[in-house]
Amino acid sequence: MKKKFSKNSFKKKKQDNEEEVVIEETNEFSMFFNEVLKKLPQKTATIIMGSFDKSKQQAEKILSNSKEQYEKIFDEFLVGVDPEIRKKCYKTIHAATLTAAIIGCSPIPFSDAFLLVPVQLTMMSRLHKTFGQSWSENLGSALSKELVVVGLGRSVVGNLLKMVPTVGTVAGAAINGAVASTITAALGWVTVKLLNEGEDIFDDITSFKGQFDILLKTLQASNKKSK
């Protein structure tokens, strides 16, 4: 005899699933954020934690505002990526973008990508593990390959912030958070795309930078249209 479920049962099950997802994302973020925090200078980490609640609230608003407009772009960009793999990668990238946005919204100097580097490298390391690739082997083959990622992030952030006249103000902090999260999201999903295609991102820096540039420009254009 088949067991019958009422509409309320299905509704409760859906709510339970949604709550479970939120808990998983919260746990993933906590672990990710704490790992990154340990890699930052003590003084910087103290400032970030001192304004954590306020910065996190700003950061979550930034991510919420951009989520819907970015989803279609990511759907088109990630054609061919297994849905289950994408879900796993999303948890990592969401934790990374939220961390990056929190750092961007914190009352600290943010003139280059130095503070994003631990976020980017932690994210990329976890994504490599998701695909069963050894991050240490890829990175250890040449230290200069790591510096390419660092330099790439620094140049993009620096160029964007030159166009923002309100850096240092409350409004500027929000813009910094948006810039930081957008760069991190683009970097993360390009990494996913190339790993899914079986490529070593450091073996073909030109391809990596090219795809990163295309995705970042698409996201930036989307931001302009939404304003």
C-alpha atoms as a PDB file:
ATOM      1  CA  MET A   1       0.000   0.000   0.000  1.00  0.00           C
ATOM      2  CA  LYS A   2       1.410   3.348  -1.068  1.00  0.00           C
ATOM      3  CA  LYS A   3       1.896   5.969   1.568  1.00  0.00           C
ATOM      4  CA  LYS A   4       0.050   9.194   0.832  1.00  0.00           C
ATOM      5  CA  PHE A   5       1.663  12.555   1.437  1.00  0.00           C
ATOM      6  CA  SER A   6      -0.297  15.723   2.032  1.00  0.00           C
ATOM      7  CA  LYS A   7       0.651  19.095   0.554  1.00  0.00           C
ATOM      8  CA  ASN A   8       1.833  20.107   4.004  1.00  0.00           C
ATOM      9  CA  SER A   9       4.170  17.100   4.078  1.00  0.00           C
ATOM     10  CA  PHE A  10       5.744  18.082   0.767  1.00  0.00           C
ATOM     11  CA  LYS A  11       5.987  21.694   1.918  1.00  0.00           C
ATOM     12  CA  LYS A  12       7.695  20.655   5.143  1.00  0.00           C
ATOM     13  CA  LYS A  13      10.089  18.388   3.253  1.00  0.00           C
ATOM     14  CA  LYS A  14      10.988  21.263   0.929  1.00  0.00           C
ATOM     15  CA  GLN A  15      11.564  23.565   3.893  1.00  0.00           C
ATOM     16  CA  ASP A  16      13.728  20.929   5.575  1.00  0.00           C
ATOM     17  CA  ASN A  17      15.813  20.548   2.407  1.00  0.00           C
ATOM     18  CA  GLU A  18      16.246  24.311   2.111  1.00  0.00           C
ATOM     19  CA  GLU A  19      17.287  24.547   5.758  1.00  0.00           C
ATOM     20  CA  GLU A  20      19.773  21.728   5.220  1.00  0.00           C
ATOM     21  CA  VAL A  21      21.308  23.578   2.258  1.00  0.00           C
ATOM     22  CA  VAL A  22      21.610  26.766   4.319  1.00  0.00           C
ATOM     23  CA  ILE A  23      23.302  24.853   7.145  1.00  0.00           C
ATOM     24  CA  GLU A  24      25.742  23.215   4.710  1.00  0.00           C
ATOM     25  CA  GLU A  25      26.602  26.568   3.114  1.00  0.00           C
ATOM     26  CA  THR A  26      27.036  28.170   6.538  1.00  0.00           C
ATOM     27  CA  ASN A  27      29.376  25.399   7.686  1.00  0.00           C
ATOM     28  CA  GLU A  28      31.346  25.560   4.439  1.00  0.00           C
ATOM     29  CA  PHE A  29      31.701  29.326   4.773  1.00  0.00           C
ATOM     30  CA  SER A  30      32.811  29.129   8.408  1.00  0.00           C
ATOM     31  CA  MET A  31      35.560  26.629   7.607  1.00  0.00           C
ATOM     32  CA  PHE A  32      36.649  28.552   4.525  1.00  0.00           C
ATOM     33  CA  PHE A  33      36.639  31.950   6.239  1.00  0.00           C
ATOM     34  CA  ASN A  34      38.618  30.702   9.237  1.00  0.00           C
ATOM     35  CA  GLU A  35      41.191  29.090   6.961  1.00  0.00           C
ATOM     36  CA  VAL A  36      41.665  32.340   5.039  1.00  0.00           C
ATOM     37  CA  LEU A  37      41.764  34.437   8.213  1.00  0.00           C
ATOM     38  CA  LYS A  38      44.757  32.441   9.477  1.00  0.00           C
ATOM     39  CA  LYS A  39      46.659  33.322   6.298  1.00  0.00           C
ATOM     40  CA  LEU A  40      46.163  37.082   6.670  1.00  0.00           C
ATOM     41  CA  PRO A  41      48.436  39.411   8.667  1.00  0.00           C
ATOM     42  CA  GLN A  42      47.364  39.505  12.321  1.00  0.00           C
ATOM     43  CA  LYS A  43      46.587  43.229  12.240  1.00  0.00           C
ATOM     44  CA  THR A  44      44.403  42.841   9.155  1.00  0.00           C
ATOM     45  CA  ALA A  45      42.590  39.821  10.595  1.00  0.00           C
ATOM     46  CA  THR A  46      41.849  41.780  13.776  1.00  0.00           C
ATOM     47  CA  ILE A  47      40.322  44.667  11.796  1.00  0.00           C
ATOM     48  CA  ILE A  48      38.199  42.273   9.742  1.00  0.00           C
ATOM     49  CA  MET A  49      36.879  40.507  12.835  1.00  0.00           C
ATOM     50  CA  GLY A  50      36.218  43.834  14.548  1.00  0.00           C
ATOM     51  CA  SER A  51      33.724  44.787  11.845  1.00  0.00           C
ATOM     52  CA  PHE A  52      32.672  41.246  10.914  1.00  0.00           C
ATOM     53  CA  ASP A  53      28.928  41.433  11.589  1.00  0.00           C
ATOM     54  CA  LYS A  54      28.442  44.695   9.709  1.00  0.00           C
ATOM     55  CA  SER A  55      30.718  43.676   6.829  1.00  0.00           C
ATOM     56  CA  LYS A  56      29.045  40.265   6.504  1.00  0.00           C
ATOM     57  CA  GLN A  57      25.625  41.895   6.343  1.00  0.00           C
ATOM     58  CA  GLN A  58      26.826  44.189   3.543  1.00  0.00           C
ATOM     59  CA  ALA A  59      28.523  41.299   1.771  1.00  0.00           C
ATOM     60  CA  GLU A  60      25.438  39.074   1.862  1.00  0.00           C
ATOM     61  CA  LYS A  61      23.376  41.895   0.375  1.00  0.00           C
ATOM     62  CA  ILE A  62      25.912  42.305  -2.440  1.00  0.00           C
ATOM     63  CA  LEU A  63      25.822  38.589  -3.256  1.00  0.00           C
ATOM     64  CA  SER A  64      22.038  38.491  -3.056  1.00  0.00           C
ATOM     65  CA  ASN A  65      21.711  41.401  -5.488  1.00  0.00           C
ATOM     66  CA  SER A  66      24.060  39.826  -8.024  1.00  0.00           C
ATOM     67  CA  LYS A  67      22.941  36.192  -7.748  1.00  0.00           C
ATOM     68  CA  GLU A  68      19.975  36.321 -10.118  1.00  0.00           C
ATOM     69  CA  GLN A  69      21.708  38.356 -12.819  1.00  0.00           C
ATOM     70  CA  TYR A  70      24.807  36.137 -12.712  1.00  0.00           C
ATOM     71  CA  GLU A  71      23.034  32.759 -12.793  1.00  0.00           C
ATOM     72  CA  LYS A  72      22.158  32.893 -16.499  1.00  0.00           C
ATOM     73  CA  ILE A  73      25.707  33.944 -17.369  1.00  0.00           C
ATOM     74  CA  PHE A  74      27.168  31.065 -15.369  1.00  0.00           C
ATOM     75  CA  ASP A  75      24.652  28.610 -16.894  1.00  0.00           C
ATOM     76  CA  GLU A  76      25.848  29.514 -20.391  1.00  0.00           C
ATOM     77  CA  PHE A  77      29.505  29.544 -19.384  1.00  0.00           C
ATOM     78  CA  LEU A  78      29.370  26.167 -17.615  1.00  0.00           C
ATOM     79  CA  VAL A  79      27.667  24.080 -20.298  1.00  0.00           C
ATOM     80  CA  GLY A  80      28.916  20.510 -19.977  1.00  0.00           C
ATOM     81  CA  VAL A  81      29.718  20.634 -16.266  1.00  0.00           C
ATOM     82  CA  ASP A  82      27.961  17.854 -14.340  1.00  0.00           C
ATOM     83  CA  PRO A  83      25.186  19.314 -12.113  1.00  0.00           C
ATOM     84  CA  GLU A  84      26.430  17.456  -9.018  1.00  0.00           C
ATOM     85  CA  ILE A  85      29.992  18.663  -9.551  1.00  0.00           C
ATOM     86  CA  ARG A  86      28.673  22.167 -10.059  1.00  0.00           C
ATOM     87  CA  LYS A  87      26.780  21.991  -6.745  1.00  0.00           C
ATOM     88  CA  LYS A  88      29.951  21.001  -4.904  1.00  0.00           C
ATOM     89  CA  CYS A  89      31.919  23.753  -6.615  1.00  0.00           C
ATOM     90  CA  TYR A  90      29.187  26.282  -5.869  1.00  0.00           C
ATOM     91  CA  LYS A  91      29.578  25.722  -2.122  1.00  0.00           C
ATOM     92  CA  THR A  92      33.291  26.461  -2.365  1.00  0.00           C
ATOM     93  CA  ILE A  93      32.905  29.468  -4.656  1.00  0.00           C
ATOM     94  CA  HIS A  94      30.034  30.887  -2.602  1.00  0.00           C
ATOM     95  CA  ALA A  95      32.178  30.660   0.535  1.00  0.00           C
ATOM     96  CA  ALA A  96      35.035  32.330  -1.332  1.00  0.00           C
ATOM     97  CA  THR A  97      32.956  35.154  -2.819  1.00  0.00           C
ATOM     98  CA  LEU A  98      31.322  35.871   0.542  1.00  0.00           C
ATOM     99  CA  THR A  99      34.740  35.926   2.209  1.00  0.00           C
ATOM    100  CA  ALA A 100      36.105  38.218  -0.511  1.00  0.00           C
ATOM    101  CA  ALA A 101      33.118  40.549  -0.189  1.00  0.00           C
ATOM    102  CA  ILE A 102      33.514  40.692   3.603  1.00  0.00           C
ATOM    103  CA  ILE A 103      37.167  41.640   3.189  1.00  0.00           C
ATOM    104  CA  GLY A 104      36.176  44.243   0.607  1.00  0.00           C
ATOM    105  CA  CYS A 105      33.560  45.720   2.939  1.00  0.00           C
ATOM    106  CA  SER A 106      35.915  45.839   5.917  1.00  0.00           C
ATOM    107  CA  PRO A 107      37.450  49.214   6.904  1.00  0.00           C
ATOM    108  CA  ILE A 108      40.933  48.388   5.634  1.00  0.00           C
ATOM    109  CA  PRO A 109      42.998  49.702   2.691  1.00  0.00           C
ATOM    110  CA  PHE A 110      42.075  47.795  -0.462  1.00  0.00           C
ATOM    111  CA  SER A 111      44.139  49.363  -3.224  1.00  0.00           C
ATOM    112  CA  ASP A 112      45.319  46.072  -4.696  1.00  0.00           C
ATOM    113  CA  ALA A 113      44.510  42.363  -4.627  1.00  0.00           C
ATOM    114  CA  PHE A 114      46.917  41.414  -1.838  1.00  0.00           C
ATOM    115  CA  LEU A 115      44.120  40.582   0.571  1.00  0.00           C
ATOM    116  CA  LEU A 116      42.284  38.559  -2.073  1.00  0.00           C
ATOM    117  CA  VAL A 117      45.226  36.249  -2.704  1.00  0.00           C
ATOM    118  CA  PRO A 118      44.613  33.881   0.254  1.00  0.00           C
ATOM    119  CA  VAL A 119      40.933  33.727  -0.736  1.00  0.00           C
ATOM    120  CA  GLN A 120      41.722  32.924  -4.364  1.00  0.00           C
ATOM    121  CA  LEU A 121      44.351  30.307  -3.605  1.00  0.00           C
ATOM    122  CA  THR A 122      42.253  28.587  -0.927  1.00  0.00           C
ATOM    123  CA  MET A 123      39.315  28.463  -3.332  1.00  0.00           C
ATOM    124  CA  MET A 124      41.387  27.102  -6.208  1.00  0.00           C
ATOM    125  CA  SER A 125      42.988  24.489  -3.971  1.00  0.00           C
ATOM    126  CA  ARG A 126      39.576  23.191  -2.895  1.00  0.00           C
ATOM    127  CA  LEU A 127      38.282  23.163  -6.467  1.00  0.00           C
ATOM    128  CA  HIS A 128      41.263  21.075  -7.549  1.00  0.00           C
ATOM    129  CA  LYS A 129      40.458  18.575  -4.797  1.00  0.00           C
ATOM    130  CA  THR A 130      36.843  18.417  -5.983  1.00  0.00           C
ATOM    131  CA  PHE A 131      38.106  17.319  -9.395  1.00  0.00           C
ATOM    132  CA  GLY A 132      40.593  14.897  -7.863  1.00  0.00           C
ATOM    133  CA  GLN A 133      43.636  16.902  -8.903  1.00  0.00           C
ATOM    134  CA  SER A 134      46.565  17.631  -6.650  1.00  0.00           C
ATOM    135  CA  TRP A 135      46.897  21.350  -6.118  1.00  0.00           C
ATOM    136  CA  SER A 136      50.305  21.076  -4.471  1.00  0.00           C
ATOM    137  CA  GLU A 137      51.773  19.301  -7.494  1.00  0.00           C
ATOM    138  CA  ASN A 138      50.353  21.811  -9.947  1.00  0.00           C
ATOM    139  CA  LEU A 139      51.496  24.792  -7.908  1.00  0.00           C
ATOM    140  CA  GLY A 140      54.776  23.300  -6.760  1.00  0.00           C
ATOM    141  CA  SER A 141      56.055  22.776 -10.317  1.00  0.00           C
ATOM    142  CA  ALA A 142      56.842  26.474 -10.550  1.00  0.00           C
ATOM    143  CA  LEU A 143      56.317  29.190  -7.971  1.00  0.00           C
ATOM    144  CA  SER A 144      56.078  31.777 -10.714  1.00  0.00           C
ATOM    145  CA  LYS A 145      52.789  30.223 -11.841  1.00  0.00           C
ATOM    146  CA  GLU A 146      51.228  31.248  -8.544  1.00  0.00           C
ATOM    147  CA  LEU A 147      52.406  34.815  -9.085  1.00  0.00           C
ATOM    148  CA  VAL A 148      50.513  34.973 -12.367  1.00  0.00           C
ATOM    149  CA  VAL A 149      47.243  34.513 -10.493  1.00  0.00           C
ATOM    150  CA  VAL A 150      48.298  37.102  -7.921  1.00  0.00           C
ATOM    151  CA  GLY A 151      49.316  39.621 -10.569  1.00  0.00           C
ATOM    152  CA  LEU A 152      46.150  39.008 -12.539  1.00  0.00           C
ATOM    153  CA  GLY A 153      43.958  39.773  -9.556  1.00  0.00           C
ATOM    154  CA  ARG A 154      45.987  42.822  -8.549  1.00  0.00           C
ATOM    155  CA  SER A 155      45.871  44.440 -11.977  1.00  0.00           C
ATOM    156  CA  VAL A 156      42.122  43.955 -12.336  1.00  0.00           C
ATOM    157  CA  VAL A 157      41.300  45.339  -8.889  1.00  0.00           C
ATOM    158  CA  GLY A 158      43.650  48.278  -9.303  1.00  0.00           C
ATOM    159  CA  ASN A 159      42.151  49.267 -12.644  1.00  0.00           C
ATOM    160  CA  LEU A 160      38.595  49.006 -11.367  1.00  0.00           C
ATOM    161  CA  LEU A 161      39.211  51.022  -8.221  1.00  0.00           C
ATOM    162  CA  LYS A 162      40.748  53.876 -10.208  1.00  0.00           C
ATOM    163  CA  MET A 163      37.276  54.402 -11.651  1.00  0.00           C
ATOM    164  CA  VAL A 164      35.642  54.520  -8.209  1.00  0.00           C
ATOM    165  CA  PRO A 165      35.807  58.043  -6.714  1.00  0.00           C
ATOM    166  CA  THR A 166      34.196  57.038  -3.412  1.00  0.00           C
ATOM    167  CA  VAL A 167      36.773  54.503  -2.224  1.00  0.00           C
ATOM    168  CA  GLY A 168      37.275  54.949   1.500  1.00  0.00           C
ATOM    169  CA  THR A 169      33.697  56.012   2.172  1.00  0.00           C
ATOM    170  CA  VAL A 170      30.767  53.816   3.207  1.00  0.00           C
ATOM    171  CA  ALA A 171      29.593  53.669  -0.415  1.00  0.00           C
ATOM    172  CA  GLY A 172      33.129  52.896  -1.520  1.00  0.00           C
ATOM    173  CA  ALA A 173      33.303  49.954   0.868  1.00  0.00           C
ATOM    174  CA  ALA A 174      30.223  48.426  -0.724  1.00  0.00           C
ATOM    175  CA  ILE A 175      31.734  48.880  -4.187  1.00  0.00           C
ATOM    176  CA  ASN A 176      34.959  47.240  -3.028  1.00  0.00           C
ATOM    177  CA  GLY A 177      32.982  44.271  -1.782  1.00  0.00           C
ATOM    178  CA  ALA A 178      31.199  43.943  -5.118  1.00  0.00           C
ATOM    179  CA  VAL A 179      34.476  44.152  -7.035  1.00  0.00           C
ATOM    180  CA  ALA A 180      36.124  41.570  -4.786  1.00  0.00           C
ATOM    181  CA  SER A 181      33.258  39.085  -5.017  1.00  0.00           C
ATOM    182  CA  THR A 182      32.891  39.464  -8.795  1.00  0.00           C
ATOM    183  CA  ILE A 183      36.586  38.847  -9.427  1.00  0.00           C
ATOM    184  CA  THR A 184      36.568  35.843  -7.115  1.00  0.00           C
ATOM    185  CA  ALA A 185      33.456  34.353  -8.715  1.00  0.00           C
ATOM    186  CA  ALA A 186      34.915  34.760 -12.208  1.00  0.00           C
ATOM    187  CA  LEU A 187      38.214  33.209 -11.150  1.00  0.00           C
ATOM    188  CA  GLY A 188      36.433  30.308  -9.474  1.00  0.00           C
ATOM    189  CA  TRP A 189      34.125  29.400 -12.336  1.00  0.00           C
ATOM    190  CA  VAL A 190      36.869  29.692 -14.959  1.00  0.00           C
ATOM    191  CA  THR A 191      38.888  27.266 -12.846  1.00  0.00           C
ATOM    192  CA  VAL A 192      35.898  24.894 -12.729  1.00  0.00           C
ATOM    193  CA  LYS A 193      35.375  25.113 -16.489  1.00  0.00           C
ATOM    194  CA  LEU A 194      38.985  24.340 -17.349  1.00  0.00           C
ATOM    195  CA  LEU A 195      39.322  21.562 -14.765  1.00  0.00           C
ATOM    196  CA  ASN A 196      36.118  20.023 -16.102  1.00  0.00           C
ATOM    197  CA  GLU A 197      37.669  20.058 -19.573  1.00  0.00           C
ATOM    198  CA  GLY A 198      40.710  18.248 -18.214  1.00  0.00           C
ATOM    199  CA  GLU A 199      43.079  21.185 -18.537  1.00  0.00           C
ATOM    200  CA  ASP A 200      45.814  22.219 -16.134  1.00  0.00           C
ATOM    201  CA  ILE A 201      45.125  25.920 -15.690  1.00  0.00           C
ATOM    202  CA  PHE A 202      48.801  26.669 -15.155  1.00  0.00           C
ATOM    203  CA  ASP A 203      49.909  24.844 -18.294  1.00  0.00           C
ATOM    204  CA  ASP A 204      47.977  27.260 -20.481  1.00  0.00           C
ATOM    205  CA  ILE A 205      48.004  30.633 -18.770  1.00  0.00           C
ATOM    206  CA  THR A 206      46.965  32.390 -21.983  1.00  0.00           C
ATOM    207  CA  SER A 207      43.745  30.380 -22.201  1.00  0.00           C
ATOM    208  CA  PHE A 208      43.069  30.869 -18.495  1.00  0.00           C
ATOM    209  CA  LYS A 209      43.574  34.641 -18.632  1.00  0.00           C
ATOM    210  CA  GLY A 210      41.552  34.896 -21.832  1.00  0.00           C
ATOM    211  CA  GLN A 211      38.529  33.060 -20.445  1.00  0.00           C
ATOM    212  CA  PHE A 212      38.790  34.924 -17.148  1.00  0.00           C
ATOM    213  CA  ASP A 213      38.816  38.239 -19.010  1.00  0.00           C
ATOM    214  CA  ILE A 214      35.770  37.285 -21.088  1.00  0.00           C
ATOM    215  CA  LEU A 215      33.735  36.124 -18.088  1.00  0.00           C
ATOM    216  CA  LEU A 216      34.714  39.105 -15.940  1.00  0.00           C
ATOM    217  CA  LYS A 217      33.753  41.572 -18.681  1.00  0.00           C
ATOM    218  CA  THR A 218      30.410  39.800 -19.117  1.00  0.00           C
ATOM    219  CA  LEU A 219      29.713  40.062 -15.385  1.00  0.00           C
ATOM    220  CA  GLN A 220      30.736  43.724 -15.348  1.00  0.00           C
ATOM    221  CA  ALA A 221      28.450  44.459 -18.293  1.00  0.00           C
ATOM    222  CA  SER A 222      25.626  42.732 -16.427  1.00  0.00           C
ATOM    223  CA  ASN A 223      26.295  44.943 -13.401  1.00  0.00           C
ATOM    224  CA  LYS A 224      26.054  48.088 -15.523  1.00  0.00           C
ATOM    225  CA  LYS A 225      22.747  47.002 -17.060  1.00  0.00           C
ATOM    226  CA  SER A 226      21.230  46.362 -13.635  1.00  0.00           C
ATOM    227  CA  LYS A 227      21.965  49.897 -12.431  1.00  0.00           C
END
